[in-house]
Each structure stands twice: as C-alpha cells, then as structure tokens.
N, C-alpha and C. Protein backbone atom coordinates (compact mmCIF):
# COMPACT_ATOMS: atom_id res chain seq x y z
N MET A 1 90.09 -69.41 -71.09
CA MET A 1 91.27 -69.87 -71.93
C MET A 1 91.31 -71.25 -71.77
N GLY A 2 91.69 -72.03 -72.86
CA GLY A 2 91.64 -73.39 -72.89
C GLY A 2 92.90 -74.03 -72.28
N LYS A 3 93.02 -75.35 -72.09
CA LYS A 3 94.12 -75.97 -71.53
C LYS A 3 95.30 -75.89 -72.46
N GLY A 4 96.50 -75.60 -72.05
CA GLY A 4 97.69 -75.49 -72.91
C GLY A 4 97.76 -74.13 -73.65
N ALA A 5 96.69 -73.19 -73.46
CA ALA A 5 96.88 -71.97 -74.17
C ALA A 5 97.70 -70.96 -73.54
N ALA A 6 98.24 -70.08 -74.26
CA ALA A 6 99.19 -69.12 -73.66
C ALA A 6 98.76 -67.73 -74.23
N ILE A 7 99.16 -66.71 -73.40
CA ILE A 7 98.74 -65.50 -73.67
C ILE A 7 99.86 -64.49 -73.47
N SER A 8 100.08 -63.47 -74.29
CA SER A 8 101.26 -62.68 -74.12
C SER A 8 100.67 -61.26 -73.69
N GLU A 9 101.61 -60.49 -73.10
CA GLU A 9 101.10 -59.21 -72.67
C GLU A 9 100.68 -58.20 -73.78
N GLN A 10 99.58 -57.61 -73.50
CA GLN A 10 99.01 -56.59 -74.44
C GLN A 10 98.72 -57.11 -75.79
N SER A 11 98.26 -58.38 -75.96
CA SER A 11 97.85 -59.06 -77.23
C SER A 11 96.47 -59.22 -77.11
N SER A 12 95.74 -58.49 -78.05
CA SER A 12 94.42 -58.85 -78.22
C SER A 12 94.07 -59.76 -79.28
N GLY A 13 94.96 -60.15 -80.11
CA GLY A 13 94.83 -61.16 -81.19
C GLY A 13 94.36 -60.49 -82.41
N GLU A 14 94.02 -59.16 -82.46
CA GLU A 14 93.53 -58.64 -83.61
C GLU A 14 94.48 -58.07 -84.57
N ASN A 15 95.72 -57.89 -84.22
CA ASN A 15 96.71 -57.42 -85.11
C ASN A 15 97.24 -58.56 -86.07
N ILE A 16 97.88 -58.12 -87.10
CA ILE A 16 98.55 -59.11 -88.12
C ILE A 16 100.03 -59.22 -87.75
N SER A 17 100.51 -60.44 -87.48
CA SER A 17 101.90 -60.70 -87.08
C SER A 17 102.58 -61.48 -88.07
N HIS A 18 103.86 -61.24 -88.20
CA HIS A 18 104.78 -61.95 -88.90
C HIS A 18 105.53 -62.97 -87.92
N PHE A 19 105.29 -64.29 -88.06
CA PHE A 19 106.14 -65.31 -87.23
C PHE A 19 107.21 -65.58 -88.00
N ALA A 20 108.35 -65.25 -87.45
CA ALA A 20 109.74 -65.33 -88.30
C ALA A 20 110.27 -66.66 -88.06
N ALA A 21 110.42 -66.96 -86.75
CA ALA A 21 111.26 -68.25 -86.49
C ALA A 21 110.76 -68.95 -85.25
N ILE A 22 111.15 -70.06 -85.04
CA ILE A 22 110.77 -70.88 -83.68
C ILE A 22 112.16 -71.47 -83.28
N ARG A 23 112.48 -71.39 -82.00
CA ARG A 23 113.62 -72.11 -81.47
C ARG A 23 113.15 -73.00 -80.32
N ILE A 24 113.62 -74.06 -80.35
CA ILE A 24 113.09 -75.25 -79.51
C ILE A 24 114.29 -75.82 -78.75
N ARG A 25 114.37 -75.86 -77.39
CA ARG A 25 115.40 -76.52 -76.69
C ARG A 25 114.62 -77.89 -76.17
N LEU A 26 115.07 -78.96 -76.76
CA LEU A 26 114.48 -80.35 -76.58
C LEU A 26 115.58 -81.49 -76.59
N ASN A 27 115.05 -82.47 -75.90
CA ASN A 27 115.82 -83.73 -75.95
C ASN A 27 114.95 -84.84 -76.36
N GLY A 28 115.55 -85.85 -77.04
CA GLY A 28 114.59 -86.88 -77.39
C GLY A 28 115.26 -87.76 -78.52
N THR A 29 114.52 -88.62 -79.10
CA THR A 29 115.00 -89.54 -80.11
C THR A 29 114.05 -89.56 -81.34
N GLY A 30 114.64 -89.47 -82.47
CA GLY A 30 113.84 -89.52 -83.63
C GLY A 30 113.80 -88.08 -84.24
N ASN A 31 112.76 -87.99 -85.09
CA ASN A 31 112.43 -86.69 -85.81
C ASN A 31 111.24 -85.99 -85.24
N LEU A 32 111.30 -84.74 -85.00
CA LEU A 32 110.19 -83.94 -84.58
C LEU A 32 109.60 -83.21 -85.78
N LYS A 33 108.47 -83.56 -86.16
CA LYS A 33 107.84 -82.88 -87.30
C LYS A 33 106.99 -81.75 -86.71
N MET A 34 107.08 -80.62 -87.63
CA MET A 34 106.44 -79.37 -87.05
C MET A 34 105.62 -78.82 -88.14
N SER A 35 104.49 -78.27 -87.83
CA SER A 35 103.62 -77.39 -88.68
C SER A 35 103.08 -76.18 -88.03
N VAL A 36 102.76 -75.10 -88.83
CA VAL A 36 102.15 -73.97 -88.31
C VAL A 36 100.75 -73.77 -88.88
N PHE A 37 99.75 -73.37 -88.31
CA PHE A 37 98.48 -73.23 -88.78
C PHE A 37 97.82 -71.85 -88.50
N SER A 38 97.11 -71.36 -89.40
CA SER A 38 96.40 -70.11 -89.13
C SER A 38 95.19 -70.31 -88.29
N LEU A 39 94.31 -69.40 -88.05
CA LEU A 39 93.14 -69.34 -87.24
C LEU A 39 92.11 -70.31 -88.04
N ASP A 40 91.56 -71.25 -87.47
CA ASP A 40 90.64 -72.29 -88.05
C ASP A 40 91.25 -73.08 -89.02
N ASP A 41 92.59 -73.34 -89.10
CA ASP A 41 93.48 -74.04 -90.10
C ASP A 41 93.12 -73.81 -91.45
N VAL A 42 92.97 -72.48 -91.82
CA VAL A 42 92.64 -72.13 -93.23
C VAL A 42 93.93 -72.23 -94.02
N ARG A 43 95.03 -71.85 -93.44
CA ARG A 43 96.33 -71.96 -94.09
C ARG A 43 97.28 -72.72 -93.23
N SER A 44 98.20 -73.40 -93.69
CA SER A 44 99.17 -74.20 -92.94
C SER A 44 100.59 -74.21 -93.80
N LYS A 45 101.59 -74.49 -93.07
CA LYS A 45 102.91 -74.64 -93.54
C LYS A 45 103.68 -75.68 -92.81
N THR A 46 104.28 -76.65 -93.49
CA THR A 46 105.22 -77.70 -92.82
C THR A 46 106.46 -77.18 -92.71
N LEU A 47 107.03 -77.22 -91.45
CA LEU A 47 108.42 -76.71 -91.27
C LEU A 47 109.34 -77.85 -91.43
N VAL A 48 110.75 -77.50 -91.47
CA VAL A 48 111.81 -78.50 -91.62
C VAL A 48 111.84 -79.25 -90.33
N PRO A 49 111.90 -80.52 -90.24
CA PRO A 49 111.89 -81.32 -89.07
C PRO A 49 113.20 -81.19 -88.14
N PHE A 50 113.13 -81.43 -86.83
CA PHE A 50 114.25 -81.40 -85.99
C PHE A 50 114.78 -82.99 -86.01
N THR A 51 116.05 -83.25 -86.00
CA THR A 51 116.53 -84.38 -85.64
C THR A 51 116.94 -84.27 -84.17
N MET A 52 116.23 -85.13 -83.39
CA MET A 52 116.56 -84.95 -81.89
C MET A 52 117.62 -85.87 -81.41
N ALA A 53 118.38 -85.54 -80.26
CA ALA A 53 119.40 -86.16 -79.69
C ALA A 53 119.16 -86.20 -78.33
N GLN A 54 119.76 -87.11 -77.43
CA GLN A 54 119.56 -87.19 -76.08
C GLN A 54 120.30 -85.84 -75.33
N THR A 55 121.43 -85.51 -75.93
CA THR A 55 122.11 -84.35 -75.43
C THR A 55 122.34 -83.48 -76.67
N ALA A 56 122.36 -82.15 -76.45
CA ALA A 56 122.69 -81.22 -77.49
C ALA A 56 123.29 -79.94 -76.92
N ARG A 57 124.34 -79.30 -77.50
CA ARG A 57 124.98 -78.15 -77.09
C ARG A 57 124.46 -77.00 -77.78
N ILE A 58 123.64 -77.20 -78.87
CA ILE A 58 123.14 -76.08 -79.80
C ILE A 58 121.63 -76.25 -79.85
N ILE A 59 120.98 -74.99 -79.76
CA ILE A 59 119.45 -74.90 -79.70
C ILE A 59 119.11 -74.69 -81.13
N PRO A 60 118.62 -75.59 -81.96
CA PRO A 60 118.31 -75.15 -83.34
C PRO A 60 117.16 -74.24 -83.53
N THR A 61 117.21 -73.55 -84.61
CA THR A 61 116.17 -72.55 -84.94
C THR A 61 115.72 -72.88 -86.38
N ARG A 62 114.32 -72.81 -86.49
CA ARG A 62 113.66 -73.14 -87.78
C ARG A 62 113.12 -71.85 -88.21
N ILE A 63 113.20 -71.53 -89.53
CA ILE A 63 112.55 -70.46 -90.09
C ILE A 63 111.00 -70.71 -90.37
N VAL A 64 110.12 -69.85 -89.95
CA VAL A 64 108.68 -70.06 -89.99
C VAL A 64 107.98 -69.25 -91.24
N ASN A 65 108.37 -68.01 -91.23
CA ASN A 65 107.92 -67.02 -92.34
C ASN A 65 106.59 -67.20 -92.58
N PHE A 66 105.68 -66.83 -91.69
CA PHE A 66 104.20 -67.11 -91.72
C PHE A 66 103.52 -65.69 -91.25
N THR A 67 102.71 -65.21 -91.92
CA THR A 67 102.06 -63.83 -91.66
C THR A 67 100.61 -64.18 -91.44
N GLU A 68 99.99 -63.96 -90.29
CA GLU A 68 98.68 -64.27 -89.98
C GLU A 68 98.25 -63.44 -88.76
N GLN A 69 97.01 -63.44 -88.45
CA GLN A 69 96.37 -62.86 -87.35
C GLN A 69 96.78 -63.66 -85.98
N ARG A 70 96.55 -64.94 -86.07
CA ARG A 70 97.01 -65.84 -84.91
C ARG A 70 97.63 -67.05 -85.72
N ALA A 71 98.36 -67.75 -84.91
CA ALA A 71 98.91 -68.99 -85.32
C ALA A 71 99.11 -70.08 -84.25
N SER A 72 98.96 -71.35 -84.74
CA SER A 72 99.20 -72.42 -83.63
C SER A 72 100.35 -73.23 -84.29
N PHE A 73 101.14 -73.87 -83.47
CA PHE A 73 102.20 -74.70 -83.79
C PHE A 73 101.83 -76.15 -83.38
N GLU A 74 102.19 -77.04 -84.33
CA GLU A 74 102.01 -78.44 -83.99
C GLU A 74 103.20 -79.10 -84.01
N LEU A 75 103.63 -79.98 -82.97
CA LEU A 75 104.94 -80.56 -82.83
C LEU A 75 104.55 -82.03 -82.53
N LYS A 76 105.05 -82.92 -83.38
CA LYS A 76 104.79 -84.28 -83.19
C LYS A 76 105.78 -85.17 -83.74
N THR A 77 105.68 -86.57 -83.28
CA THR A 77 106.47 -87.68 -83.81
C THR A 77 105.49 -88.64 -84.36
N THR A 78 105.99 -89.41 -85.44
CA THR A 78 105.09 -90.27 -86.08
C THR A 78 105.45 -91.82 -86.07
N GLU A 79 106.72 -92.12 -85.54
CA GLU A 79 107.12 -93.34 -85.43
C GLU A 79 107.02 -93.91 -84.04
N MET A 80 107.07 -95.31 -84.02
CA MET A 80 107.04 -95.90 -82.66
C MET A 80 108.33 -95.64 -82.06
N ASP A 81 108.18 -95.46 -80.65
CA ASP A 81 109.35 -95.37 -79.71
C ASP A 81 110.19 -94.02 -79.94
N GLU A 82 109.45 -93.04 -80.73
CA GLU A 82 110.19 -91.71 -80.66
C GLU A 82 109.52 -90.83 -79.64
N VAL A 83 110.33 -90.28 -78.73
CA VAL A 83 109.79 -89.56 -77.53
C VAL A 83 110.63 -88.20 -77.58
N PHE A 84 110.10 -87.23 -76.96
CA PHE A 84 110.68 -85.90 -76.85
C PHE A 84 110.25 -85.24 -75.46
N ARG A 85 111.21 -84.32 -75.05
CA ARG A 85 110.87 -83.54 -73.89
C ARG A 85 111.29 -82.20 -74.23
N ILE A 86 110.35 -81.19 -74.24
CA ILE A 86 110.57 -79.85 -74.56
C ILE A 86 111.01 -79.07 -73.21
N ASN A 87 112.04 -78.24 -73.21
CA ASN A 87 112.41 -77.57 -72.05
C ASN A 87 112.19 -75.98 -72.31
N ARG A 88 112.15 -75.58 -73.51
CA ARG A 88 111.99 -74.23 -73.76
C ARG A 88 111.61 -74.03 -75.15
N ILE A 89 110.53 -73.13 -75.47
CA ILE A 89 110.10 -72.71 -76.86
C ILE A 89 110.19 -71.26 -77.01
N ILE A 90 110.86 -70.83 -77.94
CA ILE A 90 110.92 -69.24 -78.18
C ILE A 90 110.38 -69.00 -79.56
N ILE A 91 109.32 -68.29 -79.70
CA ILE A 91 108.84 -67.76 -81.01
C ILE A 91 109.13 -66.50 -81.39
N PHE A 92 109.83 -66.29 -82.50
CA PHE A 92 110.12 -64.83 -82.79
C PHE A 92 109.03 -64.31 -83.82
N GLN A 93 108.33 -63.36 -83.19
CA GLN A 93 107.07 -62.80 -83.94
C GLN A 93 107.21 -61.24 -83.76
N LYS A 94 106.66 -60.65 -84.87
CA LYS A 94 106.67 -59.08 -84.84
C LYS A 94 105.19 -58.62 -85.48
N GLU A 95 104.65 -57.76 -84.82
CA GLU A 95 103.40 -57.05 -85.36
C GLU A 95 103.83 -56.30 -86.61
N VAL A 96 103.04 -56.48 -87.70
CA VAL A 96 103.28 -55.82 -88.97
C VAL A 96 102.24 -54.85 -89.35
N PHE A 97 100.86 -55.23 -89.01
CA PHE A 97 99.79 -54.44 -89.31
C PHE A 97 98.86 -54.45 -88.15
N THR A 98 98.11 -53.37 -87.93
CA THR A 98 97.07 -53.23 -86.83
C THR A 98 95.73 -53.75 -87.35
N SER A 99 95.54 -53.89 -88.66
CA SER A 99 94.26 -54.33 -89.08
C SER A 99 94.31 -54.76 -90.57
N TYR A 100 93.45 -55.54 -91.15
CA TYR A 100 93.41 -55.81 -92.43
C TYR A 100 93.03 -54.55 -93.17
N PRO A 101 93.63 -54.35 -94.50
CA PRO A 101 93.17 -53.26 -95.31
C PRO A 101 91.62 -53.03 -95.58
N GLY A 102 91.13 -52.00 -95.35
CA GLY A 102 89.74 -51.76 -95.55
C GLY A 102 88.84 -52.01 -94.18
N SER A 103 89.46 -52.43 -93.17
CA SER A 103 88.81 -52.82 -91.99
C SER A 103 88.60 -51.48 -91.12
C-alpha cells in the first residue's frame, strides 16, 4: 500500500460505491480547492471550495454525489501564502452495487 493510502474494514475495492459528502475539520487561510477522481482519473468532479479560517466553530460539509468503484480526493491551495492544517476528514460513502451489470 502506497504512502498516504488508507484502507477500510472489509473493503476489497470491487464494489460500486456512492460517495455522498465530505466533511473536513481544518484551519488555515485562503480557499481550499477540492476535486474527486475515479480510478485512473477517467472521471472527475470539482467540488465547491472551502473558505478557510484560523478558528471555526462549524465543520463544513460538501456534497460530492459521485458513484464509482474507487475514488480519490484532491485538496489544494493555488495562491501564495495560503496554508491549511487538516485535523479530521470524514467521507460519507455507501455501497450501492456489488458488481457492474453483466459482470
């Protein structure tokens, strides 16, 4: 497993999942741009960016609405002097199919 990779319990990666939302607890300055990608970057979707603050009392949630076998999330800043620190990431995901039709 590669550096920074995560594994969940009982996940073989062969099932089709609906990625519903992402909730990120973070501190920083600037805008955090986010995207979600399918396996081998065949499909992608740009999410609504977070406006970061040094302190926050609310953990924002962004709707993802992405159905794929596997997905990867990209979080980045694009301007000078924009920084962020992630404390927690929660991805709301549900298995919807056990295989592609005809498989």
